[in-house]
Amino acid sequence: MADQIKVLIVDDIPETRDHLTKLLGFEADIEVVGSAASGTEALDLAVKLSPDVILMDINMPDMDGISTTEQLASRAPNASVVMMSVQGEADYLRRSMLAGAREFLTKPFSSDELTASIRQVYIREREKVARIAAVVPVAGGGAKDSDRDPGIVVAVFSPKGGVGRTTVSVNMAVAAATELGKDVVLVDGSFQFGDVGVLLNLNPKNKSIADLIPELDAGESDSLETFVINHSSGIGVLLAPPSPEMAELITPAGIKRVLEALRAQHDLVIVDCTSWFNDTTLGILDTADIILTMLSLEITSIKNMRLFLEVAEQLGYETDKVRLVLNRADSTLGIKVIDVENSIGRKIDHTIVSDGRSVVYALNRGVPFFLSNREAQVSHDILRLASAVVGERQPAATEEVQKAAPRKSLFAWR
């Protein structure tokens, strides 16, 4: 017999609790282990009953569902929350996801929608736990950070703005953390006008890369993680400075030092680069093991990509280091993928479909679409891209090789 999914129902209305219990009673693989009328009672029962899934009403008198979900993260970390609400506004969804909920159901919902959500979050959590268990060292035999294999640094770059670079960076980071079980840190490399914080609804405050670099310059490497903000999706985020003028504090040597320090402590470091060349961007591209270079089915994007590939060759980047990602690949704009490949003289390595509805809706809410619309085709494409990145390690050039092959600065070419 397959494992039963243990469900705890939390709602302050008795009729709703009874109705949900009866609905789930028809499902052979789902068992309602208890019900609670308040957030406080839910916390106590979650500890006692160890449910797999908690159906949580968002509006309750003593403690609302969002506050309860936040506390469940520490008191019942193995339980996945499906939030329920009569309000379907974007703000409710955003706050629920940030609190740690895995699904959001708007009342009234059908029996099929309810059971499908329960099964989906249960399966995802089981798969995530299995992946994490596969990579965690045996107790007592774990290696220190200094002994662990260095992580992969991935630079997401585009020689033209507006192709979805930041959106792909954010959602790929979330996919690698939630689905692939990787320890991921996302770095906003657009130091003047970074948007990573906006897409994740994070405020830089006094925690940005501009504050971190002086600490590393002073040899305070232990303070690295204090500048990395933990997002509810499980990724760490190093934000861009809060004001454009602070970008001047970031030097090529400084950004390289930051990335190497993050590489030593994380499985995957993803950097959302700015769309123009400067010394700090080149420092990121030099340090990266993989450069995901994005383009779209627009003539200006294709032209800029052709120029970038010429520059990448002059900079000495190996062909395998630069991967081409075609975003909105199914757009009907009169340009075919084969035309793009013929124009730039290279095959496209990865494609992502166009889904403006899901992407823009998620962007405006500050919730990655990989969390809010996991079953969309664009989310599948993002997961496939993340899997390809973590599955193939591109060795970074050794320090000896870099010293033996000095290159002329890009900005010295005329």
Protein backbone atom coordinates (compact mmCIF):
# COMPACT_ATOMS: atom_id res chain seq x y z
CA MET A 1 0.00 0.00 0.00
CA ALA A 2 1.32 3.42 -0.89
CA ASP A 3 2.24 5.85 1.88
CA GLN A 4 -0.69 7.89 3.08
CA ILE A 5 -0.44 11.66 3.07
CA LYS A 6 -1.18 12.94 6.58
CA VAL A 7 -3.18 16.18 6.46
CA LEU A 8 -3.95 18.70 9.21
CA ILE A 9 -6.87 21.08 8.53
CA VAL A 10 -6.74 24.58 10.07
CA ASP A 11 -9.82 26.80 9.77
CA ASP A 12 -11.80 28.77 12.34
CA ILE A 13 -15.16 27.80 10.79
CA PRO A 14 -16.38 24.34 11.99
CA GLU A 15 -18.48 23.72 8.87
CA THR A 16 -15.44 24.27 6.63
CA ARG A 17 -13.33 21.85 8.66
CA ASP A 18 -16.06 19.21 8.48
CA HIS A 19 -16.59 19.72 4.75
CA LEU A 20 -12.87 19.37 3.96
CA THR A 21 -12.61 16.28 6.18
CA LYS A 22 -15.48 14.62 4.31
CA LEU A 23 -14.03 15.51 0.91
CA LEU A 24 -10.63 14.06 1.75
CA GLY A 25 -12.22 11.00 3.33
CA PHE A 26 -12.95 9.65 -0.16
CA GLU A 27 -9.24 9.63 -1.08
CA ALA A 28 -7.47 6.35 -0.32
CA ASP A 29 -4.00 7.94 -0.18
CA ILE A 30 -4.94 10.88 2.07
CA GLU A 31 -5.62 10.71 5.82
CA VAL A 32 -6.91 13.66 7.87
CA VAL A 33 -5.02 13.28 11.14
CA GLY A 34 -6.52 16.29 12.88
CA SER A 35 -8.15 19.71 12.65
CA ALA A 36 -7.53 23.02 14.41
CA ALA A 37 -9.70 26.08 14.90
CA SER A 38 -6.86 28.57 15.41
CA GLY A 39 -3.25 29.24 14.58
CA THR A 40 -2.13 28.54 18.14
CA GLU A 41 -3.88 25.18 18.18
CA ALA A 42 -2.41 24.41 14.76
CA LEU A 43 1.14 24.90 16.05
CA ASP A 44 0.55 22.48 18.93
CA LEU A 45 -1.08 19.83 16.75
CA ALA A 46 1.58 20.12 14.04
CA VAL A 47 4.25 19.24 16.60
CA LYS A 48 2.24 16.33 18.02
CA LEU A 49 0.86 14.84 14.79
CA SER A 50 3.73 15.53 12.33
CA PRO A 51 1.46 16.06 9.30
CA ASP A 52 2.84 15.99 5.78
CA VAL A 53 0.52 18.74 4.53
CA ILE A 54 -1.33 21.48 6.41
CA LEU A 55 -4.42 23.10 4.87
CA MET A 56 -4.23 26.60 6.35
CA ASP A 57 -6.93 29.27 6.25
CA ILE A 58 -5.36 32.70 5.86
CA ASN A 59 -7.87 34.63 8.01
CA MET A 60 -8.23 33.52 11.63
CA PRO A 61 -8.96 35.58 14.77
CA ASP A 62 -6.08 34.85 17.15
CA MET A 63 -3.19 34.27 14.72
CA ASP A 64 -3.61 34.50 10.96
CA GLY A 65 -2.45 31.83 8.57
CA ILE A 66 0.61 33.77 7.42
CA SER A 67 1.97 34.24 10.96
CA THR A 68 1.23 30.60 11.75
CA THR A 69 3.02 29.43 8.60
CA GLU A 70 6.09 31.47 9.50
CA GLN A 71 6.27 29.77 12.93
CA LEU A 72 5.69 26.33 11.44
CA ALA A 73 8.96 26.68 9.54
CA SER A 74 10.84 26.14 12.81
CA ARG A 75 8.34 24.07 14.80
CA ALA A 76 7.23 21.65 12.06
CA PRO A 77 9.75 22.07 9.23
CA ASN A 78 8.70 18.87 7.43
CA ALA A 79 5.11 20.01 6.92
CA SER A 80 4.14 21.70 3.65
CA VAL A 81 1.49 24.42 3.88
CA VAL A 82 -1.33 24.85 1.36
CA MET A 83 -2.86 28.27 2.04
CA MET A 84 -6.61 28.80 1.60
CA SER A 85 -8.34 32.16 1.23
CA VAL A 86 -11.55 33.70 -0.07
CA GLN A 87 -9.38 36.59 -1.30
CA GLY A 88 -7.40 35.91 -4.44
CA GLU A 89 -5.53 39.22 -4.51
CA ALA A 90 -1.87 39.21 -5.52
CA ASP A 91 -0.75 40.56 -2.14
CA TYR A 92 -2.22 37.58 -0.30
CA LEU A 93 -0.43 35.16 -2.61
CA ARG A 94 2.85 37.05 -2.33
CA ARG A 95 2.75 37.18 1.48
CA SER A 96 1.79 33.51 1.69
CA MET A 97 4.69 32.40 -0.50
CA LEU A 98 7.14 34.58 1.41
CA ALA A 99 5.92 33.00 4.65
CA GLY A 100 6.74 29.56 3.26
CA ALA A 101 3.45 28.26 1.81
CA ARG A 102 3.83 25.86 -1.10
CA GLU A 103 0.40 26.30 -2.72
CA PHE A 104 -2.43 28.84 -2.65
CA LEU A 105 -6.08 27.90 -3.14
CA THR A 106 -8.81 30.49 -3.59
CA LYS A 107 -12.15 29.53 -2.07
CA PRO A 108 -14.37 28.04 -3.33
CA PHE A 109 -12.24 25.34 -4.96
CA SER A 110 -13.18 21.96 -6.35
CA SER A 111 -12.36 18.59 -4.82
CA ASP A 112 -9.98 17.87 -7.72
CA GLU A 113 -8.11 21.15 -7.16
CA LEU A 114 -7.80 20.38 -3.45
CA THR A 115 -6.48 16.83 -3.81
CA ALA A 116 -4.18 17.75 -6.69
CA SER A 117 -2.57 20.52 -4.62
CA ILE A 118 -2.10 18.22 -1.63
CA ARG A 119 -0.47 15.51 -3.73
CA GLN A 120 1.74 17.94 -5.62
CA VAL A 121 3.23 19.60 -2.54
CA TYR A 122 3.69 16.21 -0.87
CA ILE A 123 5.54 14.75 -3.86
CA ARG A 124 7.73 17.85 -4.24
CA GLU A 125 8.72 17.78 -0.58
CA ARG A 126 9.53 14.06 -0.71
CA GLU A 127 11.67 14.56 -3.82
CA LYS A 128 13.49 17.52 -2.26
CA VAL A 129 14.25 15.58 0.94
CA ALA A 130 15.54 12.65 -1.11
CA ARG A 131 17.86 14.86 -3.14
CA ILE A 132 19.21 16.59 -0.05
CA ALA A 133 19.78 13.25 1.69
CA ALA A 134 21.76 12.06 -1.31
CA VAL A 135 24.26 14.89 -1.06
CA VAL A 136 24.54 15.29 2.74
CA PRO A 137 27.74 13.67 4.08
CA VAL A 138 27.46 10.76 6.50
CA ALA A 139 27.17 11.99 10.10
CA GLY A 140 30.58 12.49 11.63
CA GLY A 141 32.32 12.31 8.28
CA GLY A 142 31.42 15.73 6.93
CA ALA A 143 34.19 17.83 5.49
CA LYS A 144 34.96 21.36 6.54
CA ASP A 145 34.29 24.20 4.12
CA SER A 146 37.99 24.34 3.33
CA ASP A 147 37.89 20.66 2.24
CA ARG A 148 34.67 20.74 0.20
CA ASP A 149 34.65 20.94 -3.56
CA PRO A 150 34.20 24.52 -4.75
CA GLY A 151 30.81 25.45 -6.11
CA ILE A 152 29.92 26.49 -9.63
CA VAL A 153 29.77 30.19 -10.55
CA VAL A 154 27.23 30.92 -13.29
CA ALA A 155 27.04 34.37 -14.88
CA VAL A 156 23.74 35.19 -16.59
CA PHE A 157 24.58 37.83 -19.17
CA SER A 158 23.04 39.47 -22.20
CA PRO A 159 24.55 42.12 -24.49
CA LYS A 160 21.05 43.63 -24.76
CA GLY A 161 18.53 44.52 -22.09
CA GLY A 162 14.92 43.42 -22.02
CA VAL A 163 15.46 39.73 -22.78
CA GLY A 164 14.45 38.42 -19.34
CA ARG A 165 17.89 38.02 -17.81
CA THR A 166 16.93 38.86 -14.21
CA THR A 167 13.72 36.81 -14.35
CA VAL A 168 15.63 33.76 -15.55
CA SER A 169 18.37 34.25 -12.93
CA VAL A 170 15.89 34.47 -10.06
CA ASN A 171 13.76 31.53 -11.11
CA MET A 172 16.73 29.33 -11.99
CA ALA A 173 18.15 29.94 -8.51
CA VAL A 174 14.82 28.99 -6.92
CA ALA A 175 14.56 25.88 -9.11
CA ALA A 176 18.06 24.71 -8.22
CA ALA A 177 17.36 25.15 -4.51
CA THR A 178 13.82 23.79 -4.26
CA GLU A 179 13.94 21.02 -6.87
CA LEU A 180 17.61 20.04 -7.12
CA GLY A 181 18.50 20.40 -3.44
CA LYS A 182 21.42 22.75 -4.07
CA ASP A 183 22.80 25.37 -1.69
CA VAL A 184 22.31 28.42 -3.90
CA VAL A 185 23.26 32.07 -3.54
CA LEU A 186 22.04 34.66 -6.05
CA VAL A 187 24.15 37.78 -6.61
CA ASP A 188 22.71 40.93 -8.16
CA GLY A 189 25.54 41.96 -10.49
CA SER A 190 23.72 44.99 -11.88
CA PHE A 191 25.28 47.27 -9.32
CA GLN A 192 23.63 50.54 -10.34
CA PHE A 193 20.06 49.48 -11.11
CA GLY A 194 19.67 45.93 -9.84
CA ASP A 195 16.19 44.38 -9.86
CA VAL A 196 16.74 41.09 -8.03
CA GLY A 197 15.44 42.58 -4.78
CA VAL A 198 12.27 43.76 -6.51
CA LEU A 199 11.51 40.34 -8.01
CA LEU A 200 12.00 38.71 -4.59
CA ASN A 201 10.39 41.50 -2.54
CA LEU A 202 13.59 42.10 -0.56
CA ASN A 203 14.95 45.36 0.84
CA PRO A 204 18.75 45.82 0.74
CA LYS A 205 18.81 48.00 3.90
CA ASN A 206 22.41 47.76 5.11
CA LYS A 207 23.05 44.39 3.49
CA SER A 208 24.44 44.75 -0.01
CA ILE A 209 27.56 43.80 -1.88
CA ALA A 210 28.90 47.36 -1.48
CA ASP A 211 29.02 46.80 2.30
CA LEU A 212 30.56 43.34 1.98
CA ILE A 213 33.59 44.17 -0.17
CA PRO A 214 35.30 46.40 2.45
CA GLU A 215 34.85 43.60 4.98
CA LEU A 216 36.61 41.10 2.69
CA ASP A 217 39.33 43.62 1.88
CA ALA A 218 39.96 43.88 5.61
CA GLY A 219 40.24 40.09 5.88
CA GLU A 220 36.87 39.66 7.63
CA SER A 221 35.75 36.66 5.57
CA ASP A 222 33.71 35.32 8.50
CA SER A 223 31.22 38.16 8.00
CA LEU A 224 30.33 36.99 4.47
CA GLU A 225 27.08 35.24 5.38
CA THR A 226 25.81 38.20 7.42
CA PHE A 227 25.39 40.12 4.14
CA VAL A 228 23.54 37.27 2.40
CA ILE A 229 19.77 37.61 2.89
CA ASN A 230 17.84 34.35 3.29
CA HIS A 231 14.75 34.19 1.07
CA SER A 232 11.75 32.05 1.97
CA SER A 233 12.36 29.87 -1.11
CA GLY A 234 15.60 28.64 0.45
CA ILE A 235 18.09 30.65 -1.61
CA GLY A 236 20.57 33.20 -0.29
CA VAL A 237 20.62 36.61 -1.95
CA LEU A 238 23.41 39.19 -2.12
CA LEU A 239 21.74 42.39 -3.28
CA ALA A 240 23.00 45.32 -5.32
CA PRO A 241 23.65 48.64 -3.52
CA PRO A 242 20.53 50.65 -2.61
CA SER A 243 21.70 53.72 -4.55
CA PRO A 244 23.43 53.90 -7.99
CA GLU A 245 26.42 55.99 -6.84
CA MET A 246 27.49 53.21 -4.46
CA ALA A 247 28.33 51.05 -7.49
CA GLU A 248 31.62 52.95 -7.69
CA LEU A 249 32.71 51.17 -4.50
CA ILE A 250 32.74 47.84 -6.30
CA THR A 251 35.99 47.01 -8.09
CA PRO A 252 36.87 44.09 -10.40
CA ALA A 253 39.21 42.68 -7.74
CA GLY A 254 36.53 43.11 -5.11
CA ILE A 255 33.82 41.27 -7.04
CA LYS A 256 36.21 38.43 -7.85
CA ARG A 257 37.03 38.12 -4.14
CA VAL A 258 33.33 37.99 -3.28
CA LEU A 259 32.57 35.29 -5.87
CA GLU A 260 35.48 33.12 -4.80
CA ALA A 261 34.40 33.40 -1.16
CA LEU A 262 30.82 32.46 -2.07
CA ARG A 263 32.04 29.61 -4.27
CA ALA A 264 33.85 28.11 -1.27
CA GLN A 265 30.64 28.00 0.80
CA HIS A 266 27.86 27.24 -1.69
CA ASP A 267 27.09 24.65 -4.36
CA LEU A 268 25.91 27.20 -6.90
CA VAL A 269 26.54 30.93 -7.26
CA ILE A 270 24.34 32.66 -9.86
CA VAL A 271 25.19 36.22 -10.88
CA ASP A 272 22.67 38.39 -12.69
CA CYS A 273 24.99 40.63 -14.72
CA THR A 274 24.27 44.02 -16.19
CA SER A 275 23.79 44.33 -19.96
CA TRP A 276 26.87 46.35 -20.78
CA PHE A 277 30.59 45.74 -20.64
CA ASN A 278 32.67 47.34 -17.93
CA ASP A 279 35.58 46.19 -15.81
CA THR A 280 33.43 44.72 -13.03
CA THR A 281 31.26 42.79 -15.50
CA LEU A 282 34.39 41.39 -17.12
CA GLY A 283 35.62 40.41 -13.67
CA ILE A 284 32.43 38.39 -13.18
CA LEU A 285 32.64 36.78 -16.62
CA ASP A 286 36.30 35.87 -16.08
CA THR A 287 35.53 34.23 -12.73
CA ALA A 288 32.45 32.34 -13.94
CA ASP A 289 32.63 28.66 -14.82
CA ILE A 290 29.62 29.04 -17.12
CA ILE A 291 28.25 32.11 -18.90
CA LEU A 292 24.58 31.77 -19.82
CA THR A 293 24.23 34.36 -22.57
CA MET A 294 20.63 35.25 -23.32
CA LEU A 295 19.01 36.47 -26.51
CA SER A 296 15.55 36.74 -28.01
CA LEU A 297 14.02 36.56 -31.49
CA GLU A 298 14.74 40.21 -32.25
CA ILE A 299 17.18 41.45 -34.85
CA THR A 300 18.94 43.81 -32.42
CA SER A 301 19.40 41.02 -29.89
CA ILE A 302 20.81 38.70 -32.56
CA LYS A 303 23.19 41.40 -33.80
CA ASN A 304 24.48 42.10 -30.28
CA MET A 305 24.91 38.39 -29.60
CA ARG A 306 27.06 38.01 -32.72
CA LEU A 307 29.27 40.87 -31.52
CA PHE A 308 29.52 39.38 -28.01
CA LEU A 309 30.61 36.00 -29.33
CA GLU A 310 33.40 37.72 -31.26
CA VAL A 311 34.50 39.50 -28.09
CA ALA A 312 34.28 36.27 -26.05
CA GLU A 313 36.62 34.59 -28.53
CA GLN A 314 39.08 37.49 -28.25
CA LEU A 315 38.91 37.27 -24.47
CA GLY A 316 39.96 33.64 -24.68
CA TYR A 317 36.75 32.08 -23.34
CA GLU A 318 36.34 28.43 -24.26
CA THR A 319 33.32 27.61 -26.42
CA ASP A 320 31.84 25.36 -23.70
CA LYS A 321 32.03 28.16 -21.16
CA VAL A 322 29.57 30.30 -23.12
CA ARG A 323 26.08 28.75 -23.39
CA LEU A 324 23.40 30.38 -25.51
CA VAL A 325 19.89 30.64 -24.04
CA LEU A 326 17.05 31.69 -26.35
CA ASN A 327 14.22 33.22 -24.34
CA ARG A 328 10.64 33.42 -25.69
CA ALA A 329 11.74 30.85 -28.24
CA ASP A 330 8.21 30.13 -29.43
CA SER A 331 7.33 33.74 -30.25
CA THR A 332 5.95 34.18 -33.76
CA LEU A 333 7.97 37.19 -34.83
CA GLY A 334 8.96 36.05 -38.31
CA ILE A 335 12.43 34.92 -37.20
CA LYS A 336 13.09 31.20 -36.83
CA VAL A 337 15.57 29.54 -34.48
CA ILE A 338 17.55 28.16 -37.41
CA ASP A 339 17.86 31.71 -38.81
CA VAL A 340 19.32 32.83 -35.49
CA GLU A 341 21.81 29.97 -35.47
CA ASN A 342 22.89 30.68 -39.03
CA SER A 343 23.33 34.37 -38.23
CA ILE A 344 25.48 33.91 -35.13
CA GLY A 345 27.27 30.80 -36.37
CA ARG A 346 26.41 28.69 -33.31
CA LYS A 347 23.75 26.32 -32.11
CA ILE A 348 21.35 27.45 -29.38
CA ASP A 349 22.07 25.43 -26.22
CA HIS A 350 18.83 26.05 -24.31
CA THR A 351 15.39 27.45 -25.06
CA ILE A 352 12.67 28.92 -22.84
CA VAL A 353 9.10 29.37 -24.00
CA SER A 354 7.19 32.63 -23.89
CA ASP A 355 4.63 32.93 -21.08
CA GLY A 356 4.00 36.63 -20.52
CA ARG A 357 0.92 36.03 -18.38
CA SER A 358 2.69 33.88 -15.78
CA VAL A 359 5.95 35.84 -15.84
CA VAL A 360 4.54 39.37 -15.59
CA TYR A 361 1.91 38.36 -13.03
CA ALA A 362 4.60 36.79 -10.84
CA LEU A 363 6.97 39.73 -11.32
CA ASN A 364 4.40 42.28 -10.17
CA ARG A 365 3.67 40.23 -7.05
CA GLY A 366 7.31 39.77 -6.07
CA VAL A 367 6.95 35.97 -6.14
CA PRO A 368 9.03 33.87 -8.59
CA PHE A 369 6.78 32.13 -11.11
CA PHE A 370 8.63 28.87 -10.37
CA LEU A 371 6.93 28.97 -6.96
CA SER A 372 3.53 30.39 -7.93
CA ASN A 373 3.07 28.43 -11.19
CA ARG A 374 5.28 25.37 -10.93
CA GLU A 375 3.35 23.37 -13.55
CA ALA A 376 3.70 25.96 -16.35
CA GLN A 377 5.86 25.07 -19.33
CA VAL A 378 8.14 28.03 -18.65
CA SER A 379 8.84 26.57 -15.18
CA HIS A 380 9.73 23.21 -16.74
CA ASP A 381 12.14 24.96 -19.09
CA ILE A 382 13.76 26.79 -16.18
CA LEU A 383 14.20 23.53 -14.26
CA ARG A 384 15.75 21.88 -17.31
CA LEU A 385 18.18 24.79 -17.62
CA ALA A 386 19.10 24.59 -13.92
CA SER A 387 19.64 20.83 -14.20
CA ALA A 388 21.96 21.29 -17.17
CA VAL A 389 23.97 23.89 -15.30
CA VAL A 390 24.53 21.87 -12.12
CA GLY A 391 24.98 18.63 -14.02
CA GLU A 392 27.93 19.78 -16.10
CA ARG A 393 30.84 21.37 -14.33
CA GLN A 394 33.02 23.65 -16.43
CA PRO A 395 36.45 23.93 -14.80
CA ALA A 396 37.57 27.47 -14.09
CA ALA A 397 40.97 28.49 -15.41
CA THR A 398 43.72 27.97 -12.87
CA GLU A 399 45.63 30.91 -11.47
CA GLU A 400 48.79 29.71 -13.23
CA VAL A 401 47.05 29.68 -16.62
CA GLN A 402 45.59 33.13 -16.05
CA LYS A 403 49.04 34.50 -15.18
CA ALA A 404 50.64 32.80 -18.16
CA ALA A 405 48.14 34.24 -20.61
CA PRO A 406 47.60 37.90 -19.77
CA ARG A 407 45.17 39.63 -22.08
CA LYS A 408 44.68 43.15 -23.18
CA SER A 409 41.84 45.07 -21.54
CA LEU A 410 38.69 45.10 -23.61
CA PHE A 411 38.51 48.87 -23.31
CA ALA A 412 41.95 49.28 -24.85
CA TRP A 413 40.71 47.91 -28.19
CA ARG A 414 39.88 50.47 -30.80
